[in-house]
């Protein structure tokens, strides 16, 4: 396999290795409004990882172009 493709896959794997932290709230407030707790949790988690999502998207797009170019040139992957 081509070294550049291995590097792409390795970088994507590293970007996709995320650890989500569960926010610590008062259990009473969570029970009173679990929907809001879930929305806040998702919003904070998503916002925290937006730079990774963007980098992963761009890298995946670049990976696809590279893979496509190699297959169109008849290069063995």
N, C-alpha and C. Protein backbone atom coordinates (compact mmCIF):
# COMPACT_ATOMS: atom_id res chain seq x y z
N UNK A 1 0.85 -1.18 0.00
CA UNK A 1 0.00 0.00 0.00
C UNK A 1 0.89 1.24 0.00
N UNK A 2 0.46 2.26 -0.69
CA UNK A 2 1.20 3.50 -0.81
C UNK A 2 1.35 4.18 0.55
N UNK A 3 2.53 4.70 0.84
CA UNK A 3 2.81 5.32 2.14
C UNK A 3 1.91 6.52 2.42
N UNK A 4 1.59 7.31 1.40
CA UNK A 4 0.73 8.48 1.63
C UNK A 4 -0.67 8.05 2.07
N UNK A 5 -1.16 6.92 1.54
CA UNK A 5 -2.48 6.44 1.94
C UNK A 5 -2.45 5.94 3.38
N UNK A 6 -1.38 5.31 3.77
CA UNK A 6 -1.23 4.86 5.16
C UNK A 6 -1.22 6.06 6.10
N UNK A 7 -0.53 7.12 5.70
CA UNK A 7 -0.49 8.34 6.52
C UNK A 7 -1.88 8.96 6.67
N UNK A 8 -2.65 9.00 5.56
CA UNK A 8 -4.01 9.53 5.63
C UNK A 8 -4.85 8.74 6.62
N UNK A 9 -4.81 7.43 6.50
CA UNK A 9 -5.62 6.57 7.37
C UNK A 9 -5.20 6.74 8.83
N UNK A 10 -3.91 6.81 9.07
CA UNK A 10 -3.41 7.00 10.44
C UNK A 10 -3.88 8.33 11.02
N UNK A 11 -3.81 9.39 10.23
CA UNK A 11 -4.26 10.70 10.70
C UNK A 11 -5.76 10.70 10.98
N UNK A 12 -6.53 10.09 10.09
CA UNK A 12 -7.98 10.02 10.30
C UNK A 12 -8.32 9.22 11.55
N UNK A 13 -7.59 8.13 11.75
CA UNK A 13 -7.81 7.31 12.94
C UNK A 13 -7.55 8.13 14.21
N UNK A 14 -6.46 8.90 14.21
CA UNK A 14 -6.13 9.73 15.36
C UNK A 14 -7.19 10.81 15.60
N UNK A 15 -7.69 11.41 14.52
CA UNK A 15 -8.71 12.45 14.66
C UNK A 15 -10.03 11.88 15.18
N UNK A 16 -10.32 10.66 14.83
CA UNK A 16 -11.58 10.04 15.24
C UNK A 16 -11.52 9.45 16.64
N UNK A 17 -10.37 9.50 17.26
CA UNK A 17 -10.22 8.98 18.62
C UNK A 17 -10.54 10.10 19.60
N UNK A 18 -11.82 10.25 19.91
CA UNK A 18 -12.24 11.33 20.81
C UNK A 18 -12.77 10.75 22.11
N UNK A 19 -12.65 11.52 23.13
CA UNK A 19 -13.15 11.12 24.44
C UNK A 19 -14.18 12.16 24.86
N UNK A 20 -15.41 11.71 24.99
CA UNK A 20 -16.50 12.60 25.36
C UNK A 20 -16.63 12.63 26.88
N UNK A 21 -16.66 13.83 27.41
CA UNK A 21 -16.82 13.99 28.85
C UNK A 21 -18.28 14.24 29.17
N UNK A 22 -18.79 13.51 30.13
CA UNK A 22 -20.18 13.69 30.55
C UNK A 22 -20.22 14.82 31.57
N UNK A 23 -21.00 15.87 31.27
CA UNK A 23 -21.07 17.00 32.20
C UNK A 23 -21.66 16.59 33.54
N UNK A 24 -21.12 17.14 34.56
CA UNK A 24 -21.59 16.84 35.91
C UNK A 24 -22.56 17.94 36.34
N UNK A 25 -23.82 17.57 36.44
CA UNK A 25 -24.86 18.51 36.85
C UNK A 25 -25.57 17.97 38.08
N UNK A 26 -26.33 18.82 38.67
CA UNK A 26 -27.17 18.45 39.79
C UNK A 26 -28.22 17.46 39.28
N UNK A 27 -28.32 16.29 39.91
CA UNK A 27 -29.24 15.25 39.46
C UNK A 27 -30.69 15.74 39.44
N UNK A 28 -31.03 16.63 40.36
CA UNK A 28 -32.40 17.16 40.42
C UNK A 28 -32.71 17.96 39.15
N UNK A 29 -31.77 18.78 38.72
CA UNK A 29 -32.02 19.58 37.50
C UNK A 29 -32.07 18.69 36.26
N UNK A 30 -31.31 17.61 36.26
CA UNK A 30 -31.34 16.67 35.13
C UNK A 30 -32.70 15.98 35.07
N UNK A 31 -33.19 15.53 36.21
CA UNK A 31 -34.48 14.84 36.26
C UNK A 31 -35.62 15.77 35.88
N UNK A 32 -35.52 17.03 36.29
CA UNK A 32 -36.56 18.01 35.97
C UNK A 32 -36.64 18.29 34.48
N UNK A 33 -35.49 18.29 33.81
CA UNK A 33 -35.51 18.62 32.39
C UNK A 33 -34.43 17.82 31.66
N UNK A 34 -34.66 16.52 31.47
CA UNK A 34 -33.65 15.68 30.83
C UNK A 34 -33.38 16.06 29.37
N UNK A 35 -34.40 16.57 28.69
CA UNK A 35 -34.23 17.00 27.30
C UNK A 35 -33.24 18.14 27.18
N UNK A 36 -33.35 19.11 28.08
CA UNK A 36 -32.43 20.25 28.06
C UNK A 36 -31.01 19.80 28.40
N UNK A 37 -30.91 18.88 29.37
CA UNK A 37 -29.59 18.35 29.73
C UNK A 37 -28.95 17.68 28.51
N UNK A 38 -29.72 16.88 27.79
CA UNK A 38 -29.21 16.19 26.60
C UNK A 38 -28.78 17.19 25.53
N UNK A 39 -29.61 18.21 25.30
CA UNK A 39 -29.27 19.23 24.30
C UNK A 39 -27.99 19.97 24.68
N UNK A 40 -27.88 20.34 25.93
CA UNK A 40 -26.67 21.04 26.40
C UNK A 40 -25.44 20.15 26.25
N UNK A 41 -25.59 18.88 26.60
CA UNK A 41 -24.49 17.92 26.49
C UNK A 41 -24.02 17.79 25.04
N UNK A 42 -24.96 17.62 24.14
CA UNK A 42 -24.62 17.48 22.72
C UNK A 42 -23.99 18.76 22.17
N UNK A 43 -24.56 19.89 22.53
CA UNK A 43 -24.05 21.17 22.05
C UNK A 43 -22.61 21.41 22.50
N UNK A 44 -22.33 21.16 23.76
CA UNK A 44 -20.98 21.36 24.29
C UNK A 44 -20.01 20.38 23.65
N UNK A 45 -20.42 19.12 23.53
CA UNK A 45 -19.56 18.10 22.94
C UNK A 45 -19.26 18.44 21.48
N UNK A 46 -20.29 18.82 20.74
CA UNK A 46 -20.09 19.14 19.32
C UNK A 46 -19.18 20.35 19.16
N UNK A 47 -19.45 21.40 19.93
CA UNK A 47 -18.65 22.61 19.83
C UNK A 47 -17.18 22.35 20.17
N UNK A 48 -16.96 21.50 21.14
CA UNK A 48 -15.60 21.18 21.55
C UNK A 48 -14.80 20.50 20.44
N UNK A 49 -15.48 19.69 19.63
CA UNK A 49 -14.79 18.90 18.63
C UNK A 49 -14.93 19.43 17.20
N UNK A 50 -15.53 20.61 17.01
CA UNK A 50 -15.69 21.16 15.67
C UNK A 50 -14.36 21.23 14.91
N UNK A 51 -13.27 21.71 15.51
CA UNK A 51 -12.01 21.74 14.76
C UNK A 51 -11.57 20.36 14.27
N UNK A 52 -11.79 19.33 15.09
CA UNK A 52 -11.45 17.97 14.67
C UNK A 52 -12.35 17.50 13.53
N UNK A 53 -13.65 17.83 13.62
CA UNK A 53 -14.57 17.43 12.56
C UNK A 53 -14.16 18.06 11.23
N UNK A 54 -13.82 19.32 11.28
CA UNK A 54 -13.43 20.03 10.06
C UNK A 54 -12.13 19.45 9.49
N UNK A 55 -11.15 19.24 10.35
CA UNK A 55 -9.88 18.68 9.90
C UNK A 55 -10.08 17.28 9.34
N UNK A 56 -10.90 16.49 10.00
CA UNK A 56 -11.18 15.13 9.56
C UNK A 56 -11.89 15.14 8.20
N UNK A 57 -12.83 16.05 8.04
CA UNK A 57 -13.55 16.17 6.76
C UNK A 57 -12.59 16.52 5.64
N UNK A 58 -11.75 17.52 5.87
CA UNK A 58 -10.80 17.94 4.84
C UNK A 58 -9.80 16.83 4.52
N UNK A 59 -9.33 16.16 5.53
CA UNK A 59 -8.39 15.07 5.33
C UNK A 59 -9.05 13.91 4.58
N UNK A 60 -10.28 13.60 4.92
CA UNK A 60 -11.01 12.56 4.22
C UNK A 60 -11.24 12.90 2.76
N UNK A 61 -11.53 14.16 2.51
CA UNK A 61 -11.73 14.62 1.13
C UNK A 61 -10.42 14.50 0.35
N UNK A 62 -9.33 14.90 0.96
CA UNK A 62 -8.01 14.80 0.34
C UNK A 62 -7.65 13.33 0.10
N UNK A 63 -7.97 12.48 1.08
CA UNK A 63 -7.72 11.05 0.96
C UNK A 63 -8.48 10.48 -0.24
N UNK A 64 -9.74 10.85 -0.37
CA UNK A 64 -10.56 10.38 -1.49
C UNK A 64 -10.00 10.82 -2.83
N UNK A 65 -9.56 12.05 -2.92
CA UNK A 65 -8.97 12.55 -4.16
C UNK A 65 -7.69 11.78 -4.50
N UNK A 66 -6.85 11.57 -3.50
CA UNK A 66 -5.60 10.84 -3.69
C UNK A 66 -5.88 9.40 -4.13
N UNK A 67 -6.83 8.77 -3.49
CA UNK A 67 -7.19 7.40 -3.82
C UNK A 67 -7.74 7.31 -5.24
N UNK A 68 -8.60 8.26 -5.58
CA UNK A 68 -9.19 8.30 -6.91
C UNK A 68 -8.12 8.54 -7.97
N UNK A 69 -7.20 9.46 -7.71
CA UNK A 69 -6.13 9.76 -8.66
C UNK A 69 -5.26 8.52 -8.89
N UNK A 70 -4.94 7.83 -7.82
CA UNK A 70 -4.10 6.64 -7.93
C UNK A 70 -4.82 5.53 -8.71
N UNK A 71 -6.11 5.36 -8.47
CA UNK A 71 -6.83 4.30 -9.19
C UNK A 71 -7.01 4.67 -10.65
N UNK A 72 -7.17 5.96 -10.96
CA UNK A 72 -7.31 6.39 -12.36
C UNK A 72 -6.00 6.28 -13.12
N UNK A 73 -4.88 6.37 -12.43
CA UNK A 73 -3.56 6.26 -13.06
C UNK A 73 -3.13 4.81 -13.18
N UNK A 74 -3.92 3.91 -12.64
CA UNK A 74 -3.55 2.50 -12.68
C UNK A 74 -2.49 2.14 -11.67
N UNK A 75 -2.24 3.03 -10.71
CA UNK A 75 -1.25 2.77 -9.67
C UNK A 75 -1.80 1.71 -8.73
N UNK A 76 -0.99 0.73 -8.41
CA UNK A 76 -1.40 -0.31 -7.49
C UNK A 76 -1.39 0.25 -6.07
N UNK A 77 -2.51 0.07 -5.36
CA UNK A 77 -2.64 0.57 -4.00
C UNK A 77 -2.08 -0.42 -3.10
